[in-house]
Amino acid sequence: MEDEIFLNVCNMQPPEPMEQGLEKLSLLQPNQRLRMLIDREPRPLYRILSNNGFSYRTEAKPDYLYEILIWHKT
């Protein structure tokens, strides 16, 4: 099992990025992380993560992309 799952949802139209992200999160094991690359800041996702036991860190990239690292709270 890999420690990290990478998901690139750039250039997808809503709600596909959210749907893909939530699908991957449903498969995430306690010792895994999801690294998601997206071309807009997914503000609605942050509340979903917080309400469902996930922690996250968002980094705005110089090329106007956002990289979100998501993991289970321990």
PDB file of N, CA and C in Angstrom:
ATOM      1  N   MET A   1       0.841  -1.173   0.000  1.00  0.00           N
ATOM      2  CA  MET A   1       0.000   0.000   0.000  1.00  0.00           C
ATOM      3  C   MET A   1       0.896   1.249   0.000  1.00  0.00           C
ATOM      4  N   GLU A   2       0.547   2.210  -0.821  1.00  0.00           N
ATOM      5  CA  GLU A   2       1.314   3.450  -0.888  1.00  0.00           C
ATOM      6  C   GLU A   2       0.910   4.370   0.252  1.00  0.00           C
ATOM      7  N   ASP A   3       1.877   5.174   0.727  1.00  0.00           N
ATOM      8  CA  ASP A   3       1.607   6.116   1.803  1.00  0.00           C
ATOM      9  C   ASP A   3       0.841   7.333   1.308  1.00  0.00           C
ATOM     10  N   GLU A   4       0.946   7.605   0.003  1.00  0.00           N
ATOM     11  CA  GLU A   4       0.318   8.807  -0.529  1.00  0.00           C
ATOM     12  C   GLU A   4      -0.390   8.499  -1.848  1.00  0.00           C
ATOM     13  N   ILE A   5      -1.573   9.068  -1.989  1.00  0.00           N
ATOM     14  CA  ILE A   5      -2.333   8.965  -3.225  1.00  0.00           C
ATOM     15  C   ILE A   5      -2.316  10.340  -3.863  1.00  0.00           C
ATOM     16  N   PHE A   6      -2.007  10.419  -5.144  1.00  0.00           N
ATOM     17  CA  PHE A   6      -1.977  11.698  -5.849  1.00  0.00           C
ATOM     18  C   PHE A   6      -3.189  11.790  -6.760  1.00  0.00           C
ATOM     19  N   LEU A   7      -3.850  12.943  -6.725  1.00  0.00           N
ATOM     20  CA  LEU A   7      -5.035  13.170  -7.537  1.00  0.00           C
ATOM     21  C   LEU A   7      -4.941  14.548  -8.183  1.00  0.00           C
ATOM     22  N   ASN A   8      -4.906  14.580  -9.510  1.00  0.00           N
ATOM     23  CA  ASN A   8      -4.864  15.833 -10.262  1.00  0.00           C
ATOM     24  C   ASN A   8      -6.256  16.072 -10.844  1.00  0.00           C
ATOM     25  N   VAL A   9      -6.920  17.116 -10.354  1.00  0.00           N
ATOM     26  CA  VAL A   9      -8.263  17.436 -10.836  1.00  0.00           C
ATOM     27  C   VAL A   9      -8.290  18.794 -11.547  1.00  0.00           C
ATOM     28  N   CYS A  10      -7.135  19.233 -12.014  1.00  0.00           N
ATOM     29  CA  CYS A  10      -7.051  20.490 -12.754  1.00  0.00           C
ATOM     30  C   CYS A  10      -7.843  20.372 -14.059  1.00  0.00           C
ATOM     31  N   ASN A  11      -8.413  21.471 -14.470  1.00  0.00           N
ATOM     32  CA  ASN A  11      -9.160  21.580 -15.729  1.00  0.00           C
ATOM     33  C   ASN A  11     -10.456  20.786 -15.753  1.00  0.00           C
ATOM     34  N   MET A  12     -10.918  20.313 -14.616  1.00  0.00           N
ATOM     35  CA  MET A  12     -12.217  19.650 -14.539  1.00  0.00           C
ATOM     36  C   MET A  12     -13.258  20.682 -14.125  1.00  0.00           C
ATOM     37  N   GLN A  13     -14.462  20.522 -14.604  1.00  0.00           N
ATOM     38  CA  GLN A  13     -15.550  21.431 -14.250  1.00  0.00           C
ATOM     39  C   GLN A  13     -16.247  20.942 -12.980  1.00  0.00           C
ATOM     40  N   PRO A  14     -16.640  21.867 -12.104  1.00  0.00           N
ATOM     41  CA  PRO A  14     -17.398  21.468 -10.909  1.00  0.00           C
ATOM     42  C   PRO A  14     -18.677  20.749 -11.323  1.00  0.00           C
ATOM     43  N   PRO A  15     -19.096  19.771 -10.586  1.00  0.00           N
ATOM     44  CA  PRO A  15     -18.590  19.324  -9.284  1.00  0.00           C
ATOM     45  C   PRO A  15     -17.603  18.167  -9.377  1.00  0.00           C
ATOM     46  N   GLU A  16     -17.081  17.881 -10.560  1.00  0.00           N
ATOM     47  CA  GLU A  16     -16.210  16.714 -10.735  1.00  0.00           C
ATOM     48  C   GLU A  16     -14.985  16.704  -9.816  1.00  0.00           C
ATOM     49  N   PRO A  17     -14.269  17.821  -9.628  1.00  0.00           N
ATOM     50  CA  PRO A  17     -13.120  17.764  -8.710  1.00  0.00           C
ATOM     51  C   PRO A  17     -13.517  17.350  -7.295  1.00  0.00           C
ATOM     52  N   MET A  18     -14.629  17.890  -6.794  1.00  0.00           N
ATOM     53  CA  MET A  18     -15.096  17.545  -5.457  1.00  0.00           C
ATOM     54  C   MET A  18     -15.492  16.076  -5.405  1.00  0.00           C
ATOM     55  N   GLU A  19     -16.216  15.604  -6.403  1.00  0.00           N
ATOM     56  CA  GLU A  19     -16.646  14.211  -6.439  1.00  0.00           C
ATOM     57  C   GLU A  19     -15.459  13.260  -6.462  1.00  0.00           C
ATOM     58  N   GLN A  20     -14.470  13.572  -7.289  1.00  0.00           N
ATOM     59  CA  GLN A  20     -13.273  12.711  -7.370  1.00  0.00           C
ATOM     60  C   GLN A  20     -12.511  12.710  -6.047  1.00  0.00           C
ATOM     61  N   GLY A  21     -12.373  13.907  -5.451  1.00  0.00           N
ATOM     62  CA  GLY A  21     -11.673  14.011  -4.169  1.00  0.00           C
ATOM     63  C   GLY A  21     -12.360  13.225  -3.078  1.00  0.00           C
ATOM     64  N   LEU A  22     -13.679  13.343  -2.981  1.00  0.00           N
ATOM     65  CA  LEU A  22     -14.427  12.620  -1.954  1.00  0.00           C
ATOM     66  C   LEU A  22     -14.378  11.114  -2.181  1.00  0.00           C
ATOM     67  N   GLU A  23     -14.370  10.709  -3.433  1.00  0.00           N
ATOM     68  CA  GLU A  23     -14.253   9.279  -3.732  1.00  0.00           C
ATOM     69  C   GLU A  23     -12.911   8.731  -3.234  1.00  0.00           C
ATOM     70  N   LYS A  24     -11.832   9.457  -3.505  1.00  0.00           N
ATOM     71  CA  LYS A  24     -10.508   9.012  -3.034  1.00  0.00           C
ATOM     72  C   LYS A  24     -10.436   9.025  -1.513  1.00  0.00           C
ATOM     73  N   LEU A  25     -11.043  10.031  -0.878  1.00  0.00           N
ATOM     74  CA  LEU A  25     -11.030  10.094   0.581  1.00  0.00           C
ATOM     75  C   LEU A  25     -11.734   8.902   1.199  1.00  0.00           C
ATOM     76  N   SER A  26     -12.774   8.400   0.551  1.00  0.00           N
ATOM     77  CA  SER A  26     -13.503   7.245   1.083  1.00  0.00           C
ATOM     78  C   SER A  26     -12.631   5.993   1.091  1.00  0.00           C
ATOM     79  N   LEU A  27     -11.579   5.979   0.291  1.00  0.00           N
ATOM     80  CA  LEU A  27     -10.669   4.836   0.205  1.00  0.00           C
ATOM     81  C   LEU A  27      -9.414   5.021   1.056  1.00  0.00           C
ATOM     82  N   LEU A  28      -9.235   6.217   1.624  1.00  0.00           N
ATOM     83  CA  LEU A  28      -8.010   6.560   2.338  1.00  0.00           C
ATOM     84  C   LEU A  28      -7.899   5.788   3.650  1.00  0.00           C
ATOM     85  N   GLN A  29      -6.803   5.083   3.809  1.00  0.00           N
ATOM     86  CA  GLN A  29      -6.532   4.342   5.035  1.00  0.00           C
ATOM     87  C   GLN A  29      -5.942   5.294   6.086  1.00  0.00           C
ATOM     88  N   PRO A  30      -6.006   4.930   7.367  1.00  0.00           N
ATOM     89  CA  PRO A  30      -5.526   5.831   8.420  1.00  0.00           C
ATOM     90  C   PRO A  30      -4.073   6.282   8.265  1.00  0.00           C
ATOM     91  N   ASN A  31      -3.222   5.479   7.669  1.00  0.00           N
ATOM     92  CA  ASN A  31      -1.808   5.845   7.532  1.00  0.00           C
ATOM     93  C   ASN A  31      -1.489   6.442   6.167  1.00  0.00           C
ATOM     94  N   GLN A  32      -2.494   6.751   5.370  1.00  0.00           N
ATOM     95  CA  GLN A  32      -2.276   7.320   4.041  1.00  0.00           C
ATOM     96  C   GLN A  32      -2.629   8.799   4.006  1.00  0.00           C
ATOM     97  N   ARG A  33      -2.113   9.464   2.975  1.00  0.00           N
ATOM     98  CA  ARG A  33      -2.436  10.863   2.713  1.00  0.00           C
ATOM     99  C   ARG A  33      -2.886  10.993   1.269  1.00  0.00           C
ATOM    100  N   LEU A  34      -3.736  11.968   1.038  1.00  0.00           N
ATOM    101  CA  LEU A  34      -4.174  12.297  -0.312  1.00  0.00           C
ATOM    102  C   LEU A  34      -3.566  13.646  -0.677  1.00  0.00           C
ATOM    103  N   ARG A  35      -2.831  13.689  -1.765  1.00  0.00           N
ATOM    104  CA  ARG A  35      -2.275  14.936  -2.291  1.00  0.00           C
ATOM    105  C   ARG A  35      -3.094  15.290  -3.536  1.00  0.00           C
ATOM    106  N   MET A  36      -3.804  16.399  -3.441  1.00  0.00           N
ATOM    107  CA  MET A  36      -4.735  16.800  -4.492  1.00  0.00           C
ATOM    108  C   MET A  36      -4.246  18.094  -5.132  1.00  0.00           C
ATOM    109  N   LEU A  37      -4.167  18.115  -6.450  1.00  0.00           N
ATOM    110  CA  LEU A  37      -3.765  19.298  -7.198  1.00  0.00           C
ATOM    111  C   LEU A  37      -4.993  19.817  -7.929  1.00  0.00           C
ATOM    112  N   ILE A  38      -5.299  21.112  -7.725  1.00  0.00           N
ATOM    113  CA  ILE A  38      -6.515  21.691  -8.294  1.00  0.00           C
ATOM    114  C   ILE A  38      -6.234  23.129  -8.731  1.00  0.00           C
ATOM    115  N   ASP A  39      -6.975  23.590  -9.718  1.00  0.00           N
ATOM    116  CA  ASP A  39      -6.720  24.917 -10.276  1.00  0.00           C
ATOM    117  C   ASP A  39      -7.611  26.013  -9.695  1.00  0.00           C
ATOM    118  N   ARG A  40      -8.245  25.740  -8.567  1.00  0.00           N
ATOM    119  CA  ARG A  40      -9.001  26.760  -7.832  1.00  0.00           C
ATOM    120  C   ARG A  40      -9.004  26.336  -6.371  1.00  0.00           C
ATOM    121  N   GLU A  41      -9.109  27.284  -5.479  1.00  0.00           N
ATOM    122  CA  GLU A  41      -9.119  26.901  -4.062  1.00  0.00           C
ATOM    123  C   GLU A  41     -10.467  26.276  -3.719  1.00  0.00           C
ATOM    124  N   PRO A  42     -10.460  25.050  -3.219  1.00  0.00           N
ATOM    125  CA  PRO A  42     -11.709  24.326  -2.962  1.00  0.00           C
ATOM    126  C   PRO A  42     -12.284  24.615  -1.573  1.00  0.00           C
ATOM    127  N   ARG A  43     -12.692  25.849  -1.358  1.00  0.00           N
ATOM    128  CA  ARG A  43     -13.190  26.255  -0.034  1.00  0.00           C
ATOM    129  C   ARG A  43     -14.310  25.361   0.508  1.00  0.00           C
ATOM    130  N   PRO A  44     -15.280  24.929  -0.295  1.00  0.00           N
ATOM    131  CA  PRO A  44     -16.326  24.042   0.267  1.00  0.00           C
ATOM    132  C   PRO A  44     -15.759  22.721   0.807  1.00  0.00           C
ATOM    133  N   LEU A  45     -14.647  22.278   0.235  1.00  0.00           N
ATOM    134  CA  LEU A  45     -14.046  21.023   0.685  1.00  0.00           C
ATOM    135  C   LEU A  45     -13.522  21.122   2.116  1.00  0.00           C
ATOM    136  N   TYR A  46     -13.035  22.286   2.515  1.00  0.00           N
ATOM    137  CA  TYR A  46     -12.440  22.435   3.846  1.00  0.00           C
ATOM    138  C   TYR A  46     -13.431  22.110   4.961  1.00  0.00           C
ATOM    139  N   ARG A  47     -14.656  22.564   4.832  1.00  0.00           N
ATOM    140  CA  ARG A  47     -15.674  22.280   5.857  1.00  0.00           C
ATOM    141  C   ARG A  47     -15.992  20.785   5.884  1.00  0.00           C
ATOM    142  N   ILE A  48     -16.090  20.182   4.723  1.00  0.00           N
ATOM    143  CA  ILE A  48     -16.358  18.735   4.648  1.00  0.00           C
ATOM    144  C   ILE A  48     -15.237  17.961   5.335  1.00  0.00           C
ATOM    145  N   LEU A  49     -14.001  18.352   5.079  1.00  0.00           N
ATOM    146  CA  LEU A  49     -12.867  17.670   5.702  1.00  0.00           C
ATOM    147  C   LEU A  49     -12.919  17.802   7.219  1.00  0.00           C
ATOM    148  N   SER A  50     -13.110  19.022   7.703  1.00  0.00           N
ATOM    149  CA  SER A  50     -13.150  19.260   9.154  1.00  0.00           C
ATOM    150  C   SER A  50     -14.277  18.502   9.833  1.00  0.00           C
ATOM    151  N   ASN A  51     -15.437  18.433   9.184  1.00  0.00           N
ATOM    152  CA  ASN A  51     -16.595  17.753   9.764  1.00  0.00           C
ATOM    153  C   ASN A  51     -16.498  16.236   9.713  1.00  0.00           C
ATOM    154  N   ASN A  52     -15.549  15.713   8.940  1.00  0.00           N
ATOM    155  CA  ASN A  52     -15.456  14.255   8.763  1.00  0.00           C
ATOM    156  C   ASN A  52     -14.143  13.663   9.247  1.00  0.00           C
ATOM    157  N   GLY A  53     -13.453  14.362  10.128  1.00  0.00           N
ATOM    158  CA  GLY A  53     -12.281  13.788  10.780  1.00  0.00           C
ATOM    159  C   GLY A  53     -10.992  13.828   9.981  1.00  0.00           C
ATOM    160  N   PHE A  54     -10.860  14.806   9.091  1.00  0.00           N
ATOM    161  CA  PHE A  54      -9.632  14.939   8.315  1.00  0.00           C
ATOM    162  C   PHE A  54      -8.914  16.239   8.671  1.00  0.00           C
ATOM    163  N   SER A  55      -7.612  16.198   8.577  1.00  0.00           N
ATOM    164  CA  SER A  55      -6.778  17.399   8.655  1.00  0.00           C
ATOM    165  C   SER A  55      -6.260  17.674   7.262  1.00  0.00           C
ATOM    166  N   TYR A  56      -5.856  18.907   7.017  1.00  0.00           N
ATOM    167  CA  TYR A  56      -5.355  19.248   5.684  1.00  0.00           C
ATOM    168  C   TYR A  56      -4.400  20.427   5.762  1.00  0.00           C
ATOM    169  N   ARG A  57      -3.611  20.545   4.739  1.00  0.00           N
ATOM    170  CA  ARG A  57      -2.703  21.686   4.565  1.00  0.00           C
ATOM    171  C   ARG A  57      -2.789  22.090   3.105  1.00  0.00           C
ATOM    172  N   THR A  58      -3.008  23.373   2.860  1.00  0.00           N
ATOM    173  CA  THR A  58      -3.118  23.881   1.497  1.00  0.00           C
ATOM    174  C   THR A  58      -1.925  24.762   1.184  1.00  0.00           C
ATOM    175  N   GLU A  59      -1.370  24.562   0.005  1.00  0.00           N
ATOM    176  CA  GLU A  59      -0.262  25.393  -0.466  1.00  0.00           C
ATOM    177  C   GLU A  59      -0.640  25.973  -1.821  1.00  0.00           C
ATOM    178  N   ALA A  60      -0.614  27.313  -1.899  1.00  0.00           N
ATOM    179  CA  ALA A  60      -0.849  27.989  -3.179  1.00  0.00           C
ATOM    180  C   ALA A  60       0.466  27.988  -3.946  1.00  0.00           C
ATOM    181  N   LYS A  61       0.450  27.452  -5.138  1.00  0.00           N
ATOM    182  CA  LYS A  61       1.635  27.367  -5.978  1.00  0.00           C
ATOM    183  C   LYS A  61       1.775  28.642  -6.816  1.00  0.00           C
ATOM    184  N   PRO A  62       2.989  28.970  -7.256  1.00  0.00           N
ATOM    185  CA  PRO A  62       3.190  30.166  -8.070  1.00  0.00           C
ATOM    186  C   PRO A  62       2.455  30.122  -9.414  1.00  0.00           C
ATOM    187  N   ASP A  63       2.107  28.945  -9.886  1.00  0.00           N
ATOM    188  CA  ASP A  63       1.422  28.812 -11.182  1.00  0.00           C
ATOM    189  C   ASP A  63      -0.102  28.814 -11.023  1.00  0.00           C
ATOM    190  N   TYR A  64      -0.591  29.381  -9.901  1.00  0.00           N
ATOM    191  CA  TYR A  64      -2.022  29.528  -9.622  1.00  0.00           C
ATOM    192  C   TYR A  64      -2.733  28.193  -9.399  1.00  0.00           C
ATOM    193  N   LEU A  65      -1.989  27.181  -9.022  1.00  0.00           N
ATOM    194  CA  LEU A  65      -2.570  25.896  -8.649  1.00  0.00           C
ATOM    195  C   LEU A  65      -2.541  25.785  -7.129  1.00  0.00           C
ATOM    196  N   TYR A  66      -3.392  24.940  -6.611  1.00  0.00           N
ATOM    197  CA  TYR A  66      -3.421  24.671  -5.176  1.00  0.00           C
ATOM    198  C   TYR A  66      -3.120  23.202  -4.958  1.00  0.00           C
ATOM    199  N   GLU A  67      -2.263  22.939  -3.978  1.00  0.00           N
ATOM    200  CA  GLU A  67      -1.945  21.568  -3.599  1.00  0.00           C
ATOM    201  C   GLU A  67      -2.449  21.376  -2.179  1.00  0.00           C
ATOM    202  N   ILE A  68      -3.337  20.417  -2.021  1.00  0.00           N
ATOM    203  CA  ILE A  68      -3.925  20.138  -0.716  1.00  0.00           C
ATOM    204  C   ILE A  68      -3.481  18.756  -0.266  1.00  0.00           C
ATOM    205  N   LEU A  69      -2.874  18.698   0.892  1.00  0.00           N
ATOM    206  CA  LEU A  69      -2.474  17.435   1.495  1.00  0.00           C
ATOM    207  C   LEU A  69      -3.497  17.122   2.578  1.00  0.00           C
ATOM    208  N   ILE A  70      -4.108  15.949   2.503  1.00  0.00           N
ATOM    209  CA  ILE A  70      -5.213  15.571   3.393  1.00  0.00           C
ATOM    210  C   ILE A  70      -4.880  14.251   4.082  1.00  0.00           C
ATOM    211  N   TRP A  71      -5.190  14.174   5.385  1.00  0.00           N
ATOM    212  CA  TRP A  71      -4.949  12.949   6.134  1.00  0.00           C
ATOM    213  C   TRP A  71      -5.977  12.843   7.262  1.00  0.00           C
ATOM    214  N   HIS A  72      -6.122  11.634   7.781  1.00  0.00           N
ATOM    215  CA  HIS A  72      -7.029  11.397   8.921  1.00  0.00           C
ATOM    216  C   HIS A  72      -6.448  12.055  10.166  1.00  0.00           C
ATOM    217  N   LYS A  73      -7.322  12.718  10.938  1.00  0.00           N
ATOM    218  CA  LYS A  73      -6.884  13.218  12.239  1.00  0.00           C
ATOM    219  C   LYS A  73      -6.581  12.019  13.118  1.00  0.00           C
ATOM    220  N   THR A  74      -5.573  12.145  13.949  1.00  0.00           N
ATOM    221  CA  THR A  74      -5.239  11.009  14.832  1.00  0.00           C
ATOM    222  C   THR A  74      -5.474  11.344  16.269  1.00  0.00           C
TER     223      THR A  74
END
